[in-house]
């Protein structure tokens, strides 16, 4: 009975929070219809991710018996790992683009030679090639951070599942409260996830599916926690540190640079306000969860 309750609660918290976030965005957040544009949601996402890492995950990790040196080392290793993961993703995009460019160059040269328009066609080809190259780099950069985010999300959700299972093992009502708390504090965070993945791809359904699958890892953490809650408690602080490193990396390496644009005073104030709002919402909800 307890295991069934854990599975249902972790699925509701992990996937339910993703769908609530998607519904809020579907209601008009982020498309400009209600005065909220993509830049506002990018600011909100950056604030939510940073607050989740610094005000929720890291404090919980450092409240444990794990040593500060080991936790900071784990955080550093996580940041380097996600940097390398991002590099691998960009290299993959660049390799695909380079293959396509080579084919286009060969075709363009033959075409120009056949029609005797080598100089004019070459100029047009160079111009088009420059545009395509810049576009390819832009697409690759937009895609950056996606895998790092999903990896960190999965680790974070796995840790949430262990926390919910631990609460259920102590008391059924405490488990329900823990699951509701996780659902509540994950909503603004998953809104940030969806913003990042929609920046990487225009396919909204695929972005929702990816984040939902990461959220489903909460149930895996719950099941594993039910059977191995005693042994996994010692590893939980390191899970939290790794998840924190992914959120910090995505916020600082992928989101914040997109916000560093020359804007009017009003737009800059709005950008900062949404950044602070993201931090505030996550901090308040996390504080309420800790109180419960």
Protein backbone atom coordinates (compact mmCIF):
# COMPACT_ATOMS: atom_id res chain seq x y z
CA UNK A 1 0.00 0.00 0.00
CA UNK A 2 2.79 2.43 0.89
CA UNK A 3 4.65 1.65 -2.36
CA UNK A 4 1.50 2.31 -4.43
CA UNK A 5 0.98 5.62 -2.62
CA UNK A 6 4.62 6.58 -3.28
CA UNK A 7 4.31 5.79 -7.01
CA UNK A 8 1.07 7.77 -7.39
CA UNK A 9 2.40 10.72 -5.39
CA UNK A 10 5.72 10.90 -7.24
CA UNK A 11 4.01 10.70 -10.64
CA UNK A 12 1.61 13.47 -9.61
CA UNK A 13 4.45 15.64 -8.34
CA UNK A 14 6.90 14.91 -11.17
CA UNK A 15 4.67 14.94 -14.24
CA UNK A 16 1.81 17.00 -12.77
CA UNK A 17 4.10 19.95 -12.11
CA UNK A 18 5.23 19.87 -15.76
CA UNK A 19 1.66 19.90 -17.06
CA UNK A 20 0.61 22.69 -14.69
CA UNK A 21 3.57 24.73 -15.96
CA UNK A 22 2.58 23.99 -19.58
CA UNK A 23 -1.04 25.01 -18.91
CA UNK A 24 0.08 28.31 -17.39
CA UNK A 25 2.19 29.01 -20.46
CA UNK A 26 -0.65 27.95 -22.75
CA UNK A 27 -2.86 30.50 -20.98
CA UNK A 28 -0.80 33.24 -22.59
CA UNK A 29 2.45 33.51 -20.67
CA UNK A 30 5.32 34.11 -23.06
CA UNK A 31 3.64 34.82 -26.40
CA UNK A 32 3.14 38.54 -25.84
CA UNK A 33 -0.66 38.34 -25.78
CA UNK A 34 -0.81 39.36 -22.13
CA UNK A 35 2.16 41.69 -22.20
CA UNK A 36 4.53 38.84 -21.37
CA UNK A 37 7.10 38.15 -24.08
CA UNK A 38 9.89 35.59 -24.55
CA UNK A 39 12.47 37.89 -22.93
CA UNK A 40 10.33 38.09 -19.79
CA UNK A 41 10.08 34.30 -19.55
CA UNK A 42 13.82 33.93 -20.16
CA UNK A 43 14.38 36.27 -17.20
CA UNK A 44 11.87 34.32 -15.11
CA UNK A 45 13.54 31.04 -16.06
CA UNK A 46 17.01 32.30 -15.17
CA UNK A 47 15.79 33.58 -11.80
CA UNK A 48 13.91 30.34 -11.06
CA UNK A 49 16.87 28.11 -11.94
CA UNK A 50 19.35 30.17 -9.90
CA UNK A 51 17.01 30.34 -6.91
CA UNK A 52 16.30 26.59 -7.13
CA UNK A 53 20.05 25.91 -7.01
CA UNK A 54 21.15 28.49 -4.41
CA UNK A 55 18.07 28.77 -2.19
CA UNK A 56 16.73 25.20 -2.26
CA UNK A 57 19.10 22.47 -3.44
CA UNK A 58 22.47 23.65 -2.11
CA UNK A 59 21.16 24.60 1.37
CA UNK A 60 19.62 21.12 1.66
CA UNK A 61 22.89 19.53 0.57
CA UNK A 62 24.93 21.51 3.11
CA UNK A 63 22.49 20.74 5.92
CA UNK A 64 23.53 17.09 5.64
CA UNK A 65 26.52 15.35 7.17
CA UNK A 66 28.48 15.60 3.91
CA UNK A 67 31.64 17.71 4.05
CA UNK A 68 31.64 21.16 2.46
CA UNK A 69 34.86 20.37 0.54
CA UNK A 70 33.32 17.26 -1.05
CA UNK A 71 30.11 19.09 -1.96
CA UNK A 72 31.99 22.00 -3.57
CA UNK A 73 34.16 19.48 -5.46
CA UNK A 74 30.99 17.75 -6.70
CA UNK A 75 29.56 21.13 -7.75
CA UNK A 76 32.75 21.97 -9.65
CA UNK A 77 32.89 18.57 -11.38
CA UNK A 78 29.22 18.98 -12.32
CA UNK A 79 29.82 22.41 -13.89
CA UNK A 80 32.76 21.08 -15.93
CA UNK A 81 30.73 18.03 -16.98
CA UNK A 82 27.82 20.13 -18.22
CA UNK A 83 30.25 22.47 -20.01
CA UNK A 84 31.69 19.45 -21.85
CA UNK A 85 28.19 18.12 -22.55
CA UNK A 86 27.26 21.49 -24.06
CA UNK A 87 30.47 21.44 -26.15
CA UNK A 88 29.63 17.97 -27.43
CA UNK A 89 26.15 19.15 -28.38
CA UNK A 90 27.51 22.20 -30.23
CA UNK A 91 30.12 20.04 -31.98
CA UNK A 92 27.36 17.67 -33.11
CA UNK A 93 25.35 20.61 -34.54
CA UNK A 94 28.47 22.02 -36.21
CA UNK A 95 29.38 18.65 -37.72
CA UNK A 96 25.92 18.27 -39.24
CA UNK A 97 26.05 21.83 -40.59
CA UNK A 98 29.55 21.31 -42.01
CA UNK A 99 28.43 18.18 -43.86
CA UNK A 100 25.52 20.05 -45.42
CA UNK A 101 27.77 23.01 -46.31
CA UNK A 102 30.24 20.76 -48.11
CA UNK A 103 27.46 19.35 -50.29
CA UNK A 104 26.11 22.81 -51.07
CA UNK A 105 29.59 24.09 -52.02
CA UNK A 106 30.17 21.26 -54.47
CA UNK A 107 26.77 21.79 -56.10
CA UNK A 108 27.24 25.54 -56.33
CA UNK A 109 30.66 25.25 -58.01
CA UNK A 110 29.35 22.89 -60.71
CA UNK A 111 26.33 25.08 -61.35
CA UNK A 112 28.44 28.21 -61.72
CA UNK A 113 30.88 26.53 -64.13
CA UNK A 114 28.12 25.17 -66.36
CA UNK A 115 26.34 28.46 -66.86
CA UNK A 116 29.42 30.64 -67.10
CA UNK A 117 28.36 32.86 -64.22
CA UNK A 118 31.26 31.95 -61.97
CA UNK A 119 31.97 35.40 -60.58
CA UNK A 120 28.39 36.50 -59.97
CA UNK A 121 27.26 33.13 -58.77
CA UNK A 122 30.34 32.84 -56.55
CA UNK A 123 29.52 36.14 -54.89
CA UNK A 124 25.94 35.03 -54.29
CA UNK A 125 27.15 31.65 -53.06
CA UNK A 126 29.60 33.27 -50.62
CA UNK A 127 26.91 35.56 -49.32
CA UNK A 128 24.42 32.72 -48.92
CA UNK A 129 27.07 30.53 -47.38
CA UNK A 130 27.93 33.23 -44.85
CA UNK A 131 24.28 33.61 -43.94
CA UNK A 132 23.83 29.85 -43.64
CA UNK A 133 26.96 29.52 -41.52
CA UNK A 134 25.79 32.26 -39.17
CA UNK A 135 22.33 30.73 -39.06
CA UNK A 136 23.79 27.31 -38.30
CA UNK A 137 25.88 28.69 -35.44
CA UNK A 138 22.82 30.54 -34.12
CA UNK A 139 20.73 27.37 -34.21
CA UNK A 140 23.48 25.44 -32.46
CA UNK A 141 23.75 28.09 -29.76
CA UNK A 142 19.98 28.12 -29.31
CA UNK A 143 20.15 24.36 -28.79
CA UNK A 144 22.89 24.71 -26.18
CA UNK A 145 22.04 23.74 -22.64
CA UNK A 146 19.17 21.41 -23.55
CA UNK A 147 20.84 18.15 -22.61
CA UNK A 148 22.52 19.70 -19.58
CA UNK A 149 19.12 20.91 -18.39
CA UNK A 150 17.40 17.55 -18.91
CA UNK A 151 20.24 15.65 -17.23
CA UNK A 152 20.20 17.93 -14.21
CA UNK A 153 16.40 17.86 -14.17
CA UNK A 154 16.39 14.07 -14.09
CA UNK A 155 18.90 13.99 -11.22
CA UNK A 156 16.88 16.60 -9.34
CA UNK A 157 13.62 14.68 -9.89
CA UNK A 158 15.28 11.44 -8.76
CA UNK A 159 16.27 13.21 -5.54
CA UNK A 160 12.72 14.55 -5.12
CA UNK A 161 11.42 11.01 -5.46
CA UNK A 162 13.74 9.82 -2.68
CA UNK A 163 12.61 12.71 -0.46
CA UNK A 164 8.91 11.89 -1.06
CA UNK A 165 9.54 8.18 -0.38
CA UNK A 166 11.36 9.05 2.85
CA UNK A 167 8.39 11.18 3.98
CA UNK A 168 5.92 8.39 3.19
CA UNK A 169 8.05 5.88 5.10
CA UNK A 170 7.81 8.15 8.15
CA UNK A 171 4.10 9.05 7.90
CA UNK A 172 1.44 8.86 5.17
CA UNK A 173 0.19 12.43 5.72
CA UNK A 174 3.75 13.77 5.74
CA UNK A 175 4.30 12.03 2.39
CA UNK A 176 1.25 13.72 0.87
CA UNK A 177 2.42 17.12 2.10
CA UNK A 178 5.92 16.46 0.73
CA UNK A 179 4.48 15.50 -2.69
CA UNK A 180 2.31 18.65 -2.82
CA UNK A 181 5.29 20.77 -1.80
CA UNK A 182 7.45 19.25 -4.55
CA UNK A 183 4.67 19.83 -7.12
CA UNK A 184 4.31 23.47 -6.06
CA UNK A 185 7.98 24.39 -6.10
CA UNK A 186 8.60 22.53 -9.37
CA UNK A 187 6.00 24.52 -11.36
CA UNK A 188 8.04 27.74 -11.81
CA UNK A 189 11.16 25.64 -12.35
CA UNK A 190 9.50 23.58 -15.12
CA UNK A 191 8.23 26.75 -16.74
CA UNK A 192 11.89 27.69 -17.02
CA UNK A 193 12.71 24.28 -18.50
CA UNK A 194 10.02 24.63 -21.16
CA UNK A 195 11.28 28.10 -22.07
CA UNK A 196 14.83 26.79 -22.55
CA UNK A 197 13.78 23.80 -24.65
CA UNK A 198 11.43 25.89 -26.79
CA UNK A 199 14.39 28.18 -27.50
CA UNK A 200 16.24 25.10 -28.77
CA UNK A 201 13.35 23.78 -30.88
CA UNK A 202 10.08 25.14 -32.21
CA UNK A 203 8.40 21.78 -31.49
CA UNK A 204 6.42 22.52 -28.33
CA UNK A 205 5.08 18.98 -27.97
CA UNK A 206 8.59 17.53 -28.03
CA UNK A 207 9.71 20.03 -25.38
CA UNK A 208 6.74 19.03 -23.19
CA UNK A 209 7.48 15.32 -23.74
CA UNK A 210 11.17 15.70 -22.79
CA UNK A 211 10.42 17.61 -19.59
CA UNK A 212 7.61 15.17 -18.73
CA UNK A 213 10.00 12.23 -19.11
CA UNK A 214 12.48 13.98 -16.83
CA UNK A 215 9.64 14.58 -14.36
CA UNK A 216 8.72 10.88 -14.51
CA UNK A 217 12.14 10.08 -13.03
CA UNK A 218 10.59 11.27 -9.74
CA UNK A 219 8.65 7.98 -9.65
CA UNK A 220 11.87 6.03 -10.26
CA UNK A 221 13.46 7.86 -7.33
CA UNK A 222 10.41 7.05 -5.22
CA UNK A 223 10.57 3.32 -5.97
CA UNK A 224 14.33 3.13 -5.43
CA UNK A 225 13.95 5.21 -2.27
CA UNK A 226 11.29 2.84 -0.92
CA UNK A 227 13.68 -0.12 -1.09
CA UNK A 228 17.00 1.64 -0.41
CA UNK A 229 16.05 4.76 1.55
CA UNK A 230 18.63 4.07 4.29
CA UNK A 231 21.56 3.58 1.92
CA UNK A 232 20.64 6.41 -0.48
CA UNK A 233 20.33 9.05 2.24
CA UNK A 234 24.14 9.32 2.32
CA UNK A 235 24.26 9.99 -1.44
CA UNK A 236 21.38 12.47 -1.57
CA UNK A 237 23.53 15.59 -0.86
CA UNK A 238 25.72 14.75 -3.88
CA UNK A 239 22.64 14.29 -6.08
CA UNK A 240 21.51 17.74 -4.98
CA UNK A 241 24.93 19.27 -5.75
CA UNK A 242 24.99 17.74 -9.26
CA UNK A 243 21.45 18.98 -9.97
CA UNK A 244 22.49 22.45 -8.71
CA UNK A 245 25.47 22.52 -11.06
CA UNK A 246 23.23 21.89 -14.08
CA UNK A 247 20.81 24.69 -13.17
CA UNK A 248 23.62 27.15 -12.45
CA UNK A 249 25.35 26.28 -15.72
CA UNK A 250 22.20 26.63 -17.86
CA UNK A 251 21.22 29.93 -16.20
CA UNK A 252 24.67 31.55 -16.50
CA UNK A 253 25.93 30.03 -19.76
CA UNK A 254 22.73 29.86 -21.80
CA UNK A 255 19.98 32.14 -20.45
CA UNK A 256 21.79 35.17 -19.00
CA UNK A 257 23.83 35.78 -22.22
CA UNK A 258 20.54 35.95 -24.17
CA UNK A 259 19.39 38.71 -21.82
CA UNK A 260 22.55 40.79 -22.29
CA UNK A 261 21.16 43.06 -24.99
CA UNK A 262 20.98 46.82 -25.34
CA UNK A 263 17.43 47.66 -24.24
CA UNK A 264 15.46 50.74 -23.27
CA UNK A 265 15.27 51.70 -19.60
CA UNK A 266 11.72 50.36 -19.31
CA UNK A 267 12.61 47.04 -20.93
CA UNK A 268 15.65 46.68 -18.68
CA UNK A 269 13.55 47.30 -15.55
CA UNK A 270 10.99 44.73 -16.74
CA UNK A 271 13.76 42.21 -17.41
CA UNK A 272 15.19 42.66 -13.92
CA UNK A 273 11.72 42.51 -12.37
CA UNK A 274 10.99 39.16 -14.02
CA UNK A 275 14.40 37.83 -12.97
CA UNK A 276 13.68 38.81 -9.35
CA UNK A 277 10.14 37.41 -9.64
CA UNK A 278 11.52 34.01 -10.65
CA UNK A 279 13.87 34.03 -7.67
CA UNK A 280 11.15 35.22 -5.29
CA UNK A 281 8.53 32.64 -6.28
CA UNK A 282 10.93 29.70 -5.94
CA UNK A 283 12.36 31.01 -2.65
CA UNK A 284 8.90 31.55 -1.09
CA UNK A 285 7.54 28.18 -2.21
CA UNK A 286 10.70 26.38 -1.09
CA UNK A 287 10.45 28.12 2.29
CA UNK A 288 6.84 26.97 2.65
CA UNK A 289 7.87 23.42 1.76
CA UNK A 290 10.59 23.48 4.43
CA UNK A 291 8.10 24.81 6.97
CA UNK A 292 5.78 21.86 6.28
